[in-house]
PDB file of N, CA and C in Angstrom:
ATOM      1  N   MET A   1       0.847  -1.174   0.000  1.00  0.00           N
ATOM      2  CA  MET A   1       0.000   0.000   0.000  1.00  0.00           C
ATOM      3  C   MET A   1       0.895   1.241   0.000  1.00  0.00           C
ATOM      4  N   THR A   2       0.515   2.212  -0.811  1.00  0.00           N
ATOM      5  CA  THR A   2       1.230   3.482  -0.895  1.00  0.00           C
ATOM      6  C   THR A   2       0.386   4.538  -0.199  1.00  0.00           C
ATOM      7  N   THR A   3       1.021   5.410   0.577  1.00  0.00           N
ATOM      8  CA  THR A   3       0.280   6.452   1.294  1.00  0.00           C
ATOM      9  C   THR A   3       0.762   7.834   0.883  1.00  0.00           C
ATOM     10  N   SER A   4      -0.065   8.833   1.203  1.00  0.00           N
ATOM     11  CA  SER A   4       0.253  10.220   0.920  1.00  0.00           C
ATOM     12  C   SER A   4      -0.388  11.068   2.012  1.00  0.00           C
ATOM     13  N   THR A   5       0.185  12.207   2.309  1.00  0.00           N
ATOM     14  CA  THR A   5      -0.316  13.084   3.371  1.00  0.00           C
ATOM     15  C   THR A   5      -1.175  14.196   2.782  1.00  0.00           C
ATOM     16  N   LEU A   6      -2.256  14.522   3.454  1.00  0.00           N
ATOM     17  CA  LEU A   6      -3.150  15.597   3.037  1.00  0.00           C
ATOM     18  C   LEU A   6      -2.693  16.896   3.698  1.00  0.00           C
ATOM     19  N   THR A   7      -2.548  17.966   2.910  1.00  0.00           N
ATOM     20  CA  THR A   7      -2.132  19.258   3.460  1.00  0.00           C
ATOM     21  C   THR A   7      -3.329  19.982   4.061  1.00  0.00           C
ATOM     22  N   THR A   8      -3.069  21.101   4.732  1.00  0.00           N
ATOM     23  CA  THR A   8      -4.158  21.896   5.315  1.00  0.00           C
ATOM     24  C   THR A   8      -5.060  22.496   4.245  1.00  0.00           C
ATOM     25  N   LYS A   9      -4.556  22.570   3.012  1.00  0.00           N
ATOM     26  CA  LYS A   9      -5.359  23.089   1.898  1.00  0.00           C
ATOM     27  C   LYS A   9      -6.135  21.975   1.188  1.00  0.00           C
ATOM     28  N   GLY A  10      -6.058  20.762   1.696  1.00  0.00           N
ATOM     29  CA  GLY A  10      -6.778  19.647   1.088  1.00  0.00           C
ATOM     30  C   GLY A  10      -6.063  19.061  -0.119  1.00  0.00           C
ATOM     31  N   GLN A  11      -4.765  19.333  -0.241  1.00  0.00           N
ATOM     32  CA  GLN A  11      -3.995  18.841  -1.382  1.00  0.00           C
ATOM     33  C   GLN A  11      -3.148  17.645  -0.972  1.00  0.00           C
ATOM     34  N   THR A  12      -2.815  16.825  -1.950  1.00  0.00           N
ATOM     35  CA  THR A  12      -1.944  15.687  -1.722  1.00  0.00           C
ATOM     36  C   THR A  12      -1.130  15.431  -2.978  1.00  0.00           C
ATOM     37  N   THR A  13      -0.086  14.648  -2.846  1.00  0.00           N
ATOM     38  CA  THR A  13       0.719  14.259  -3.995  1.00  0.00           C
ATOM     39  C   THR A  13       0.349  12.829  -4.363  1.00  0.00           C
ATOM     40  N   ILE A  14       0.025  12.620  -5.628  1.00  0.00           N
ATOM     41  CA  ILE A  14      -0.253  11.263  -6.088  1.00  0.00           C
ATOM     42  C   ILE A  14       1.105  10.579  -6.251  1.00  0.00           C
ATOM     43  N   PRO A  15       1.344   9.487  -5.570  1.00  0.00           N
ATOM     44  CA  PRO A  15       2.646   8.826  -5.677  1.00  0.00           C
ATOM     45  C   PRO A  15       2.985   8.438  -7.120  1.00  0.00           C
ATOM     46  N   LYS A  16       4.271   8.463  -7.446  1.00  0.00           N
ATOM     47  CA  LYS A  16       4.745   8.194  -8.795  1.00  0.00           C
ATOM     48  C   LYS A  16       4.254   6.845  -9.311  1.00  0.00           C
ATOM     49  N   GLU A  17       4.266   5.848  -8.456  1.00  0.00           N
ATOM     50  CA  GLU A  17       3.809   4.511  -8.850  1.00  0.00           C
ATOM     51  C   GLU A  17       2.363   4.558  -9.378  1.00  0.00           C
ATOM     52  N   ILE A  18       1.519   5.337  -8.717  1.00  0.00           N
ATOM     53  CA  ILE A  18       0.110   5.459  -9.111  1.00  0.00           C
ATOM     54  C   ILE A  18      -0.012   6.297 -10.387  1.00  0.00           C
ATOM     55  N   ARG A  19       0.746   7.417 -10.470  1.00  0.00           N
ATOM     56  CA  ARG A  19       0.718   8.249 -11.682  1.00  0.00           C
ATOM     57  C   ARG A  19       1.143   7.437 -12.904  1.00  0.00           C
ATOM     58  N   ASP A  20       2.199   6.642 -12.742  1.00  0.00           N
ATOM     59  CA  ASP A  20       2.671   5.805 -13.850  1.00  0.00           C
ATOM     60  C   ASP A  20       1.619   4.779 -14.254  1.00  0.00           C
ATOM     61  N   TYR A  21       0.978   4.171 -13.264  1.00  0.00           N
ATOM     62  CA  TYR A  21      -0.058   3.173 -13.541  1.00  0.00           C
ATOM     63  C   TYR A  21      -1.227   3.788 -14.311  1.00  0.00           C
ATOM     64  N   LEU A  22      -1.628   4.996 -13.915  1.00  0.00           N
ATOM     65  CA  LEU A  22      -2.732   5.691 -14.583  1.00  0.00           C
ATOM     66  C   LEU A  22      -2.310   6.300 -15.908  1.00  0.00           C
ATOM     67  N   GLY A  23      -1.000   6.495 -16.081  1.00  0.00           N
ATOM     68  CA  GLY A  23      -0.510   7.110 -17.312  1.00  0.00           C
ATOM     69  C   GLY A  23      -0.800   8.599 -17.380  1.00  0.00           C
ATOM     70  N   VAL A  24      -0.795   9.263 -16.229  1.00  0.00           N
ATOM     71  CA  VAL A  24      -1.085  10.701 -16.201  1.00  0.00           C
ATOM     72  C   VAL A  24       0.201  11.505 -16.100  1.00  0.00           C
ATOM     73  N   LYS A  25       0.128  12.701 -16.659  1.00  0.00           N
ATOM     74  CA  LYS A  25       1.257  13.620 -16.653  1.00  0.00           C
ATOM     75  C   LYS A  25       0.796  14.938 -16.034  1.00  0.00           C
ATOM     76  N   PRO A  26       1.716  15.837 -15.698  1.00  0.00           N
ATOM     77  CA  PRO A  26       1.319  17.121 -15.118  1.00  0.00           C
ATOM     78  C   PRO A  26       0.273  17.837 -15.987  1.00  0.00           C
ATOM     79  N   GLN A  27      -0.653  18.477 -15.345  1.00  0.00           N
ATOM     80  CA  GLN A  27      -1.745  19.259 -15.943  1.00  0.00           C
ATOM     81  C   GLN A  27      -2.877  18.388 -16.486  1.00  0.00           C
ATOM     82  N   GLU A  28      -2.775  17.064 -16.408  1.00  0.00           N
ATOM     83  CA  GLU A  28      -3.889  16.209 -16.844  1.00  0.00           C
ATOM     84  C   GLU A  28      -4.902  16.112 -15.718  1.00  0.00           C
ATOM     85  N   ARG A  29      -6.141  15.826 -16.088  1.00  0.00           N
ATOM     86  CA  ARG A  29      -7.226  15.789 -15.126  1.00  0.00           C
ATOM     87  C   ARG A  29      -7.424  14.386 -14.578  1.00  0.00           C
ATOM     88  N   LEU A  30      -7.839  14.320 -13.311  1.00  0.00           N
ATOM     89  CA  LEU A  30      -8.145  13.060 -12.649  1.00  0.00           C
ATOM     90  C   LEU A  30      -9.610  13.077 -12.240  1.00  0.00           C
ATOM     91  N   ALA A  31     -10.208  11.909 -12.175  1.00  0.00           N
ATOM     92  CA  ALA A  31     -11.609  11.795 -11.761  1.00  0.00           C
ATOM     93  C   ALA A  31     -11.669  10.995 -10.461  1.00  0.00           C
ATOM     94  N   PHE A  32     -12.418  11.499  -9.485  1.00  0.00           N
ATOM     95  CA  PHE A  32     -12.641  10.814  -8.221  1.00  0.00           C
ATOM     96  C   PHE A  32     -14.099  10.390  -8.187  1.00  0.00           C
ATOM     97  N   GLU A  33     -14.341   9.134  -7.863  1.00  0.00           N
ATOM     98  CA  GLU A  33     -15.712   8.622  -7.777  1.00  0.00           C
ATOM     99  C   GLU A  33     -15.849   7.789  -6.509  1.00  0.00           C
ATOM    100  N   ILE A  34     -17.055   7.749  -5.974  1.00  0.00           N
ATOM    101  CA  ILE A  34     -17.336   6.894  -4.825  1.00  0.00           C
ATOM    102  C   ILE A  34     -18.100   5.692  -5.357  1.00  0.00           C
ATOM    103  N   GLU A  35     -17.524   4.516  -5.144  1.00  0.00           N
ATOM    104  CA  GLU A  35     -18.144   3.258  -5.580  1.00  0.00           C
ATOM    105  C   GLU A  35     -18.118   2.267  -4.429  1.00  0.00           C
ATOM    106  N   ALA A  36     -19.266   1.783  -4.052  1.00  0.00           N
ATOM    107  CA  ALA A  36     -19.393   0.781  -2.993  1.00  0.00           C
ATOM    108  C   ALA A  36     -18.657   1.209  -1.725  1.00  0.00           C
ATOM    109  N   GLY A  37     -18.796   2.489  -1.375  1.00  0.00           N
ATOM    110  CA  GLY A  37     -18.199   2.990  -0.144  1.00  0.00           C
ATOM    111  C   GLY A  37     -16.705   3.236  -0.204  1.00  0.00           C
ATOM    112  N   GLN A  38     -16.101   3.174  -1.409  1.00  0.00           N
ATOM    113  CA  GLN A  38     -14.676   3.442  -1.567  1.00  0.00           C
ATOM    114  C   GLN A  38     -14.477   4.543  -2.595  1.00  0.00           C
ATOM    115  N   VAL A  39     -13.392   5.286  -2.449  1.00  0.00           N
ATOM    116  CA  VAL A  39     -13.062   6.331  -3.415  1.00  0.00           C
ATOM    117  C   VAL A  39     -12.187   5.703  -4.490  1.00  0.00           C
ATOM    118  N   VAL A  40     -12.576   5.918  -5.731  1.00  0.00           N
ATOM    119  CA  VAL A  40     -11.840   5.378  -6.872  1.00  0.00           C
ATOM    120  C   VAL A  40     -11.238   6.545  -7.647  1.00  0.00           C
ATOM    121  N   LEU A  41      -9.942   6.446  -7.941  1.00  0.00           N
ATOM    122  CA  LEU A  41      -9.225   7.476  -8.695  1.00  0.00           C
ATOM    123  C   LEU A  41      -9.001   6.958 -10.105  1.00  0.00           C
ATOM    124  N   ARG A  42      -9.431   7.758 -11.092  1.00  0.00           N
ATOM    125  CA  ARG A  42      -9.271   7.379 -12.493  1.00  0.00           C
ATOM    126  C   ARG A  42      -8.701   8.552 -13.275  1.00  0.00           C
ATOM    127  N   ARG A  43      -8.100   8.229 -14.378  1.00  0.00           N
ATOM    128  CA  ARG A  43      -7.699   9.259 -15.336  1.00  0.00           C
ATOM    129  C   ARG A  43      -8.993   9.775 -15.954  1.00  0.00           C
ATOM    130  N   ALA A  44      -9.191  11.086 -15.942  1.00  0.00           N
ATOM    131  CA  ALA A  44     -10.428  11.661 -16.488  1.00  0.00           C
ATOM    132  C   ALA A  44     -10.419  11.539 -18.001  1.00  0.00           C
ATOM    133  N   SER A  45     -11.583  11.246 -18.554  1.00  0.00           N
ATOM    134  CA  SER A  45     -11.669  11.177 -20.010  1.00  0.00           C
ATOM    135  C   SER A  45     -11.545  12.588 -20.567  1.00  0.00           C
ATOM    136  N   ARG A  46     -10.942  12.684 -21.707  1.00  0.00           N
ATOM    137  CA  ARG A  46     -10.712  14.000 -22.310  1.00  0.00           C
ATOM    138  C   ARG A  46     -11.972  14.518 -22.978  1.00  0.00           C
ATOM    139  N   SER A  47     -12.149  15.826 -22.928  1.00  0.00           N
ATOM    140  CA  SER A  47     -13.280  16.436 -23.601  1.00  0.00           C
ATOM    141  C   SER A  47     -12.944  16.572 -25.089  1.00  0.00           C
ATOM    142  N   PHE A  48     -13.950  16.817 -25.893  1.00  0.00           N
ATOM    143  CA  PHE A  48     -13.744  16.961 -27.328  1.00  0.00           C
ATOM    144  C   PHE A  48     -12.783  18.113 -27.626  1.00  0.00           C
ATOM    145  N   ALA A  49     -12.911  19.210 -26.870  1.00  0.00           N
ATOM    146  CA  ALA A  49     -12.044  20.372 -27.098  1.00  0.00           C
ATOM    147  C   ALA A  49     -10.581  20.034 -26.828  1.00  0.00           C
ATOM    148  N   GLU A  50     -10.332  19.200 -25.815  1.00  0.00           N
ATOM    149  CA  GLU A  50      -8.956  18.822 -25.497  1.00  0.00           C
ATOM    150  C   GLU A  50      -8.338  17.930 -26.566  1.00  0.00           C
ATOM    151  N   LEU A  51      -9.182  17.231 -27.306  1.00  0.00           N
ATOM    152  CA  LEU A  51      -8.683  16.326 -28.341  1.00  0.00           C
ATOM    153  C   LEU A  51      -8.400  17.038 -29.665  1.00  0.00           C
ATOM    154  N   ALA A  52      -8.842  18.278 -29.791  1.00  0.00           N
ATOM    155  CA  ALA A  52      -8.653  19.012 -31.046  1.00  0.00           C
ATOM    156  C   ALA A  52      -7.179  19.053 -31.424  1.00  0.00           C
ATOM    157  N   GLY A  53      -6.908  18.683 -32.655  1.00  0.00           N
ATOM    158  CA  GLY A  53      -5.549  18.712 -33.174  1.00  0.00           C
ATOM    159  C   GLY A  53      -4.735  17.473 -32.861  1.00  0.00           C
ATOM    160  N   SER A  54      -5.333  16.507 -32.165  1.00  0.00           N
ATOM    161  CA  SER A  54      -4.567  15.318 -31.793  1.00  0.00           C
ATOM    162  C   SER A  54      -4.544  14.254 -32.891  1.00  0.00           C
ATOM    163  N   LEU A  55      -5.416  14.382 -33.873  1.00  0.00           N
ATOM    164  CA  LEU A  55      -5.443  13.419 -34.971  1.00  0.00           C
ATOM    165  C   LEU A  55      -4.799  14.016 -36.210  1.00  0.00           C
ATOM    166  N   LYS A  56      -4.037  13.206 -36.896  1.00  0.00           N
ATOM    167  CA  LYS A  56      -3.402  13.668 -38.116  1.00  0.00           C
ATOM    168  C   LYS A  56      -4.237  13.215 -39.306  1.00  0.00           C
ATOM    169  N   GLY A  57      -4.542  14.129 -40.188  1.00  0.00           N
ATOM    170  CA  GLY A  57      -5.294  13.799 -41.378  1.00  0.00           C
ATOM    171  C   GLY A  57      -4.373  13.412 -42.518  1.00  0.00           C
ATOM    172  N   SER A  58      -4.957  12.885 -43.571  1.00  0.00           N
ATOM    173  CA  SER A  58      -4.149  12.481 -44.721  1.00  0.00           C
ATOM    174  C   SER A  58      -3.898  13.655 -45.661  1.00  0.00           C
ATOM    175  N   ILE A  59      -4.615  14.759 -45.463  1.00  0.00           N
ATOM    176  CA  ILE A  59      -4.440  15.938 -46.308  1.00  0.00           C
ATOM    177  C   ILE A  59      -3.435  16.863 -45.630  1.00  0.00           C
ATOM    178  N   PRO A  60      -2.374  17.263 -46.330  1.00  0.00           N
ATOM    179  CA  PRO A  60      -1.387  18.146 -45.701  1.00  0.00           C
ATOM    180  C   PRO A  60      -1.999  19.505 -45.367  1.00  0.00           C
ATOM    181  N   ARG A  61      -1.516  20.114 -44.297  1.00  0.00           N
ATOM    182  CA  ARG A  61      -2.011  21.421 -43.897  1.00  0.00           C
ATOM    183  C   ARG A  61      -1.599  22.478 -44.910  1.00  0.00           C
ATOM    184  N   ALA A  62      -2.460  23.455 -45.071  1.00  0.00           N
ATOM    185  CA  ALA A  62      -2.161  24.558 -45.985  1.00  0.00           C
ATOM    186  C   ALA A  62      -1.158  25.495 -45.330  1.00  0.00           C
ATOM    187  N   SER A  63      -0.358  26.124 -46.147  1.00  0.00           N
ATOM    188  CA  SER A  63       0.587  27.108 -45.623  1.00  0.00           C
ATOM    189  C   SER A  63      -0.195  28.345 -45.187  1.00  0.00           C
ATOM    190  N   LYS A  64       0.443  29.181 -44.388  1.00  0.00           N
ATOM    191  CA  LYS A  64      -0.218  30.419 -43.951  1.00  0.00           C
ATOM    192  C   LYS A  64      -0.601  31.269 -45.161  1.00  0.00           C
ATOM    193  N   GLN A  65       0.269  31.303 -46.158  1.00  0.00           N
ATOM    194  CA  GLN A  65      -0.014  32.082 -47.371  1.00  0.00           C
ATOM    195  C   GLN A  65      -1.252  31.529 -48.080  1.00  0.00           C
ATOM    196  N   ALA A  66      -1.338  30.208 -48.198  1.00  0.00           N
ATOM    197  CA  ALA A  66      -2.505  29.596 -48.853  1.00  0.00           C
ATOM    198  C   ALA A  66      -3.775  29.870 -48.053  1.00  0.00           C
ATOM    199  N   GLU A  67      -3.675  29.850 -46.715  1.00  0.00           N
ATOM    200  CA  GLU A  67      -4.839  30.153 -45.880  1.00  0.00           C
ATOM    201  C   GLU A  67      -5.294  31.594 -46.098  1.00  0.00           C
ATOM    202  N   ARG A  68      -4.340  32.526 -46.144  1.00  0.00           N
ATOM    203  CA  ARG A  68      -4.681  33.941 -46.378  1.00  0.00           C
ATOM    204  C   ARG A  68      -5.348  34.121 -47.734  1.00  0.00           C
ATOM    205  N   GLU A  69      -4.785  33.480 -48.758  1.00  0.00           N
ATOM    206  CA  GLU A  69      -5.355  33.601 -50.106  1.00  0.00           C
ATOM    207  C   GLU A  69      -6.764  33.021 -50.163  1.00  0.00           C
ATOM    208  N   GLY A  70      -6.979  31.892 -49.496  1.00  0.00           N
ATOM    209  CA  GLY A  70      -8.311  31.288 -49.459  1.00  0.00           C
ATOM    210  C   GLY A  70      -9.313  32.177 -48.754  1.00  0.00           C
ATOM    211  N   ALA A  71      -8.901  32.777 -47.633  1.00  0.00           N
ATOM    212  CA  ALA A  71      -9.791  33.681 -46.889  1.00  0.00           C
ATOM    213  C   ALA A  71     -10.108  34.913 -47.717  1.00  0.00           C
ATOM    214  N   ARG A  72      -9.102  35.425 -48.423  1.00  0.00           N
ATOM    215  CA  ARG A  72      -9.309  36.612 -49.265  1.00  0.00           C
ATOM    216  C   ARG A  72     -10.285  36.294 -50.392  1.00  0.00           C
ATOM    217  N   ALA A  73     -10.120  35.144 -51.028  1.00  0.00           N
ATOM    218  CA  ALA A  73     -11.018  34.741 -52.115  1.00  0.00           C
ATOM    219  C   ALA A  73     -12.447  34.584 -51.606  1.00  0.00           C
ATOM    220  N   ALA A  74     -12.598  34.041 -50.404  1.00  0.00           N
ATOM    221  CA  ALA A  74     -13.933  33.862 -49.834  1.00  0.00           C
ATOM    222  C   ALA A  74     -14.584  35.212 -49.552  1.00  0.00           C
ATOM    223  N   ARG A  75     -13.788  36.174 -49.032  1.00  0.00           N
ATOM    224  CA  ARG A  75     -14.340  37.506 -48.770  1.00  0.00           C
ATOM    225  C   ARG A  75     -14.753  38.181 -50.071  1.00  0.00           C
ATOM    226  N   LEU A  76     -13.908  38.085 -51.099  1.00  0.00           N
ATOM    227  CA  LEU A  76     -14.232  38.699 -52.388  1.00  0.00           C
ATOM    228  C   LEU A  76     -15.492  38.077 -52.988  1.00  0.00           C
ATOM    229  N   HIS A  77     -15.582  36.758 -52.885  1.00  0.00           N
ATOM    230  CA  HIS A  77     -16.739  36.052 -53.447  1.00  0.00           C
ATOM    231  C   HIS A  77     -18.029  36.491 -52.724  1.00  0.00           C
ATOM    232  N   LYS A  78     -17.931  36.743 -51.442  1.00  0.00           N
ATOM    233  CA  LYS A  78     -19.095  37.147 -50.664  1.00  0.00           C
ATOM    234  C   LYS A  78     -19.643  38.495 -51.113  1.00  0.00           C
ATOM    235  N   TYR A  79     -18.748  39.395 -51.519  1.00  0.00           N
ATOM    236  CA  TYR A  79     -19.174  40.764 -51.847  1.00  0.00           C
ATOM    237  C   TYR A  79     -19.276  41.040 -53.338  1.00  0.00           C
ATOM    238  N   VAL A  80     -19.080  40.045 -54.167  1.00  0.00           N
ATOM    239  CA  VAL A  80     -19.206  40.261 -55.599  1.00  0.00           C
ATOM    240  C   VAL A  80     -20.689  40.426 -55.939  1.00  0.00           C
ATOM    241  N   VAL A  81     -20.985  41.453 -56.683  1.00  0.00           N
ATOM    242  CA  VAL A  81     -22.376  41.691 -57.085  1.00  0.00           C
ATOM    243  C   VAL A  81     -22.636  40.845 -58.325  1.00  0.00           C
ATOM    244  N   LYS A  82     -23.648  40.020 -58.237  1.00  0.00           N
ATOM    245  CA  LYS A  82     -23.986  39.140 -59.345  1.00  0.00           C
ATOM    246  C   LYS A  82     -24.934  39.838 -60.297  1.00  0.00           C
ATOM    247  N   GLY A  83     -24.677  39.682 -61.583  1.00  0.00           N
ATOM    248  CA  GLY A  83     -25.509  40.318 -62.608  1.00  0.00           C
ATOM    249  C   GLY A  83     -26.829  39.606 -62.809  1.00  0.00           C
ATOM    250  N   PRO A  84     -27.668  40.186 -63.722  1.00  0.00           N
ATOM    251  CA  PRO A  84     -29.012  39.619 -63.950  1.00  0.00           C
ATOM    252  C   PRO A  84     -28.987  38.264 -64.576  1.00  0.00           C
TER     253      PRO A  84
END
């Protein structure tokens, strides 16, 4: 059994053995749940916003110049007056 001390602010250090087992790193979220009268510590599931940018697509990213040109073309297209 591994133990940890609770500070006056209600904080504690998760022992390295437990952090390694959970696969958590600094700034990651943890979930505490009460199950059958015991507290269970889990790695919190990531929100959709946290996952943004974590997947690589098969289409290469556009350069900043290409992005600017695309945005400019879209703005021009929006304001072009169409004839009869």
